[in-house]
Amino acid sequence: MTDVIEEYAARKAEAAAKAVEAKMTDVIEEYAAKKAEAVAKEATEKAQARNIELAKELLSEGESIERTVRLSKLSEAEVRELASKLSA
């Protein structure tokens, strides 16, 4: 009888350990996904800021809107807005 109880307890403990492991795996994967998303967002924001600075420099040196759009990777609307702010 004791062997049956010990075997039952061992199975229950193993099942509980597997459940905890599965939960921890889920938590770690969720954290990794959020961290990757945050890093990607930060990289995008930095690239956008660099593109804006480049466009400002190009415009201040007299480059055309079209060339500034091509080189800065900004939209024409964004470059025109920067140009209007720089000339104001």
N, C-alpha and C. Protein backbone atom coordinates (compact mmCIF):
# COMPACT_ATOMS: atom_id res chain seq x y z
N MET A 1 0.83 -1.19 0.00
CA MET A 1 0.00 0.00 0.00
C MET A 1 0.87 1.25 0.00
N THR A 2 1.95 1.23 0.77
CA THR A 2 2.84 2.38 0.83
C THR A 2 3.47 2.65 -0.53
N ASP A 3 3.79 1.58 -1.25
CA ASP A 3 4.36 1.75 -2.58
C ASP A 3 3.39 2.45 -3.52
N VAL A 4 2.14 2.13 -3.44
CA VAL A 4 1.10 2.75 -4.27
C VAL A 4 1.00 4.23 -3.96
N ILE A 5 1.01 4.56 -2.68
CA ILE A 5 0.91 5.96 -2.26
C ILE A 5 2.14 6.74 -2.72
N GLU A 6 3.31 6.15 -2.56
CA GLU A 6 4.54 6.82 -2.99
C GLU A 6 4.57 7.01 -4.50
N GLU A 7 4.10 6.01 -5.25
CA GLU A 7 4.06 6.13 -6.71
C GLU A 7 3.07 7.21 -7.13
N TYR A 8 1.94 7.25 -6.46
CA TYR A 8 0.94 8.29 -6.74
C TYR A 8 1.51 9.67 -6.44
N ALA A 9 2.17 9.82 -5.32
CA ALA A 9 2.77 11.11 -4.94
C ALA A 9 3.85 11.51 -5.93
N ALA A 10 4.63 10.56 -6.37
CA ALA A 10 5.69 10.84 -7.35
C ALA A 10 5.10 11.31 -8.67
N ARG A 11 4.02 10.66 -9.11
CA ARG A 11 3.37 11.08 -10.36
C ARG A 11 2.77 12.48 -10.24
N LYS A 12 2.14 12.73 -9.10
CA LYS A 12 1.56 14.07 -8.87
C LYS A 12 2.66 15.13 -8.86
N ALA A 13 3.77 14.85 -8.22
CA ALA A 13 4.88 15.81 -8.15
C ALA A 13 5.45 16.04 -9.54
N GLU A 14 5.58 14.97 -10.32
CA GLU A 14 6.10 15.10 -11.68
C GLU A 14 5.14 15.93 -12.54
N ALA A 15 3.86 15.71 -12.41
CA ALA A 15 2.86 16.47 -13.17
C ALA A 15 2.90 17.94 -12.77
N ALA A 16 3.04 18.20 -11.48
CA ALA A 16 3.11 19.59 -11.01
C ALA A 16 4.37 20.26 -11.53
N ALA A 17 5.48 19.55 -11.54
CA ALA A 17 6.74 20.11 -12.04
C ALA A 17 6.63 20.43 -13.53
N LYS A 18 5.98 19.54 -14.28
CA LYS A 18 5.79 19.80 -15.71
C LYS A 18 4.90 21.02 -15.94
N ALA A 19 3.88 21.17 -15.12
CA ALA A 19 2.99 22.32 -15.25
C ALA A 19 3.74 23.62 -14.95
N VAL A 20 4.56 23.60 -13.91
CA VAL A 20 5.35 24.79 -13.57
C VAL A 20 6.33 25.10 -14.69
N GLU A 21 6.97 24.07 -15.22
CA GLU A 21 7.92 24.26 -16.32
C GLU A 21 7.23 24.86 -17.55
N ALA A 22 6.05 24.37 -17.86
CA ALA A 22 5.30 24.89 -19.00
C ALA A 22 4.94 26.36 -18.78
N LYS A 23 4.52 26.70 -17.58
CA LYS A 23 4.15 28.09 -17.26
C LYS A 23 5.38 29.00 -17.37
N MET A 24 6.51 28.55 -16.83
CA MET A 24 7.73 29.35 -16.90
C MET A 24 8.17 29.54 -18.35
N THR A 25 8.03 28.51 -19.16
CA THR A 25 8.37 28.62 -20.57
C THR A 25 7.50 29.69 -21.24
N ASP A 26 6.21 29.67 -20.93
CA ASP A 26 5.29 30.67 -21.48
C ASP A 26 5.70 32.09 -21.05
N VAL A 27 6.05 32.24 -19.78
CA VAL A 27 6.45 33.55 -19.25
C VAL A 27 7.72 34.04 -19.95
N ILE A 28 8.68 33.15 -20.10
CA ILE A 28 9.95 33.52 -20.75
C ILE A 28 9.72 33.88 -22.21
N GLU A 29 8.92 33.12 -22.90
CA GLU A 29 8.64 33.41 -24.31
C GLU A 29 7.90 34.74 -24.46
N GLU A 30 6.98 35.02 -23.57
CA GLU A 30 6.25 36.29 -23.61
C GLU A 30 7.21 37.46 -23.36
N TYR A 31 8.08 37.31 -22.38
CA TYR A 31 9.07 38.35 -22.09
C TYR A 31 9.98 38.58 -23.29
N ALA A 32 10.45 37.50 -23.90
CA ALA A 32 11.34 37.62 -25.06
C ALA A 32 10.65 38.33 -26.22
N ALA A 33 9.39 38.01 -26.44
CA ALA A 33 8.64 38.65 -27.52
C ALA A 33 8.47 40.14 -27.27
N LYS A 34 8.14 40.50 -26.02
CA LYS A 34 7.98 41.92 -25.69
C LYS A 34 9.30 42.66 -25.81
N LYS A 35 10.38 42.03 -25.37
CA LYS A 35 11.71 42.65 -25.45
C LYS A 35 12.10 42.86 -26.91
N ALA A 36 11.88 41.86 -27.75
CA ALA A 36 12.20 41.98 -29.17
C ALA A 36 11.39 43.10 -29.82
N GLU A 37 10.13 43.21 -29.45
CA GLU A 37 9.27 44.26 -29.98
C GLU A 37 9.78 45.64 -29.56
N ALA A 38 10.19 45.77 -28.31
CA ALA A 38 10.71 47.05 -27.81
C ALA A 38 12.01 47.43 -28.50
N VAL A 39 12.88 46.46 -28.72
CA VAL A 39 14.15 46.73 -29.39
C VAL A 39 13.90 47.15 -30.84
N ALA A 40 12.99 46.47 -31.51
CA ALA A 40 12.66 46.82 -32.89
C ALA A 40 12.06 48.22 -32.98
N LYS A 41 11.19 48.55 -32.03
CA LYS A 41 10.58 49.89 -32.02
C LYS A 41 11.64 50.95 -31.80
N GLU A 42 12.56 50.71 -30.87
CA GLU A 42 13.63 51.67 -30.60
C GLU A 42 14.51 51.86 -31.83
N ALA A 43 14.83 50.78 -32.52
CA ALA A 43 15.66 50.87 -33.72
C ALA A 43 14.95 51.67 -34.81
N THR A 44 13.66 51.46 -34.94
CA THR A 44 12.88 52.20 -35.94
C THR A 44 12.85 53.69 -35.61
N GLU A 45 12.67 54.00 -34.34
CA GLU A 45 12.65 55.40 -33.92
C GLU A 45 14.00 56.08 -34.14
N LYS A 46 15.08 55.36 -33.86
CA LYS A 46 16.42 55.93 -34.08
C LYS A 46 16.67 56.15 -35.56
N ALA A 47 16.27 55.21 -36.39
CA ALA A 47 16.45 55.36 -37.83
C ALA A 47 15.64 56.54 -38.35
N GLN A 48 14.43 56.70 -37.86
CA GLN A 48 13.59 57.84 -38.27
C GLN A 48 14.24 59.16 -37.87
N ALA A 49 14.78 59.21 -36.66
CA ALA A 49 15.44 60.44 -36.20
C ALA A 49 16.66 60.75 -37.06
N ARG A 50 17.44 59.73 -37.42
CA ARG A 50 18.60 59.94 -38.30
C ARG A 50 18.15 60.44 -39.66
N ASN A 51 17.07 59.86 -40.19
CA ASN A 51 16.56 60.28 -41.50
C ASN A 51 16.09 61.73 -41.46
N ILE A 52 15.48 62.13 -40.37
CA ILE A 52 15.02 63.52 -40.24
C ILE A 52 16.21 64.46 -40.19
N GLU A 53 17.23 64.11 -39.43
CA GLU A 53 18.43 64.95 -39.35
C GLU A 53 19.10 65.06 -40.70
N LEU A 54 19.19 63.96 -41.43
CA LEU A 54 19.78 63.98 -42.76
C LEU A 54 18.98 64.90 -43.68
N ALA A 55 17.67 64.77 -43.63
CA ALA A 55 16.82 65.61 -44.48
C ALA A 55 17.01 67.09 -44.15
N LYS A 56 17.09 67.40 -42.87
CA LYS A 56 17.31 68.80 -42.47
C LYS A 56 18.62 69.33 -43.03
N GLU A 57 19.66 68.51 -42.93
CA GLU A 57 20.97 68.93 -43.46
C GLU A 57 20.91 69.13 -44.96
N LEU A 58 20.30 68.19 -45.66
CA LEU A 58 20.21 68.30 -47.12
C LEU A 58 19.42 69.54 -47.53
N LEU A 59 18.31 69.77 -46.88
CA LEU A 59 17.49 70.93 -47.21
C LEU A 59 18.22 72.24 -46.90
N SER A 60 18.92 72.25 -45.78
CA SER A 60 19.63 73.48 -45.42
C SER A 60 20.79 73.76 -46.37
N GLU A 61 21.27 72.72 -47.06
CA GLU A 61 22.34 72.90 -48.06
C GLU A 61 21.77 73.16 -49.45
N GLY A 62 20.45 73.28 -49.54
CA GLY A 62 19.82 73.64 -50.81
C GLY A 62 19.44 72.48 -51.70
N GLU A 63 19.45 71.27 -51.20
CA GLU A 63 19.04 70.13 -52.02
C GLU A 63 17.54 70.21 -52.33
N SER A 64 17.17 69.61 -53.44
CA SER A 64 15.76 69.61 -53.83
C SER A 64 14.95 68.68 -52.94
N ILE A 65 13.65 68.91 -52.96
CA ILE A 65 12.73 68.06 -52.20
C ILE A 65 12.86 66.61 -52.69
N GLU A 66 12.88 66.42 -54.01
CA GLU A 66 12.92 65.08 -54.59
C GLU A 66 14.18 64.33 -54.17
N ARG A 67 15.33 65.00 -54.25
CA ARG A 67 16.60 64.35 -53.88
C ARG A 67 16.62 64.06 -52.37
N THR A 68 16.10 64.97 -51.59
CA THR A 68 16.05 64.77 -50.14
C THR A 68 15.16 63.59 -49.79
N VAL A 69 14.05 63.45 -50.47
CA VAL A 69 13.16 62.30 -50.26
C VAL A 69 13.91 61.01 -50.58
N ARG A 70 14.58 60.99 -51.70
CA ARG A 70 15.31 59.79 -52.13
C ARG A 70 16.41 59.41 -51.14
N LEU A 71 17.19 60.38 -50.71
CA LEU A 71 18.33 60.10 -49.84
C LEU A 71 17.94 59.83 -48.38
N SER A 72 16.90 60.50 -47.91
CA SER A 72 16.54 60.38 -46.49
C SER A 72 15.57 59.24 -46.21
N LYS A 73 14.95 58.71 -47.25
CA LYS A 73 13.94 57.65 -47.09
C LYS A 73 12.68 58.14 -46.37
N LEU A 74 12.50 59.45 -46.30
CA LEU A 74 11.28 60.03 -45.73
C LEU A 74 10.26 60.21 -46.84
N SER A 75 9.02 60.36 -46.47
CA SER A 75 7.98 60.61 -47.47
C SER A 75 8.11 62.05 -47.97
N GLU A 76 7.52 62.30 -49.11
CA GLU A 76 7.55 63.65 -49.66
C GLU A 76 6.85 64.62 -48.72
N ALA A 77 5.76 64.18 -48.12
CA ALA A 77 5.02 65.05 -47.19
C ALA A 77 5.89 65.41 -45.99
N GLU A 78 6.63 64.43 -45.47
CA GLU A 78 7.50 64.70 -44.32
C GLU A 78 8.60 65.69 -44.69
N VAL A 79 9.18 65.52 -45.87
CA VAL A 79 10.26 66.42 -46.31
C VAL A 79 9.70 67.82 -46.55
N ARG A 80 8.54 67.91 -47.16
CA ARG A 80 7.95 69.23 -47.40
C ARG A 80 7.64 69.93 -46.07
N GLU A 81 7.17 69.18 -45.09
CA GLU A 81 6.90 69.76 -43.77
C GLU A 81 8.19 70.27 -43.14
N LEU A 82 9.26 69.48 -43.24
CA LEU A 82 10.56 69.93 -42.70
C LEU A 82 11.03 71.18 -43.44
N ALA A 83 10.87 71.18 -44.75
CA ALA A 83 11.31 72.32 -45.55
C ALA A 83 10.55 73.59 -45.14
N SER A 84 9.27 73.46 -44.89
CA SER A 84 8.47 74.63 -44.51
C SER A 84 8.88 75.12 -43.13
N LYS A 85 9.23 74.20 -42.23
CA LYS A 85 9.68 74.61 -40.90
C LYS A 85 11.04 75.29 -40.96
N LEU A 86 11.91 74.79 -41.84
CA LEU A 86 13.25 75.37 -41.95
C LEU A 86 13.21 76.77 -42.58
N SER A 87 12.25 76.97 -43.49
CA SER A 87 12.18 78.28 -44.15
C SER A 87 11.39 79.30 -43.34
N ALA A 88 10.70 78.84 -42.33
CA ALA A 88 9.86 79.74 -41.52
C ALA A 88 10.67 80.52 -40.50
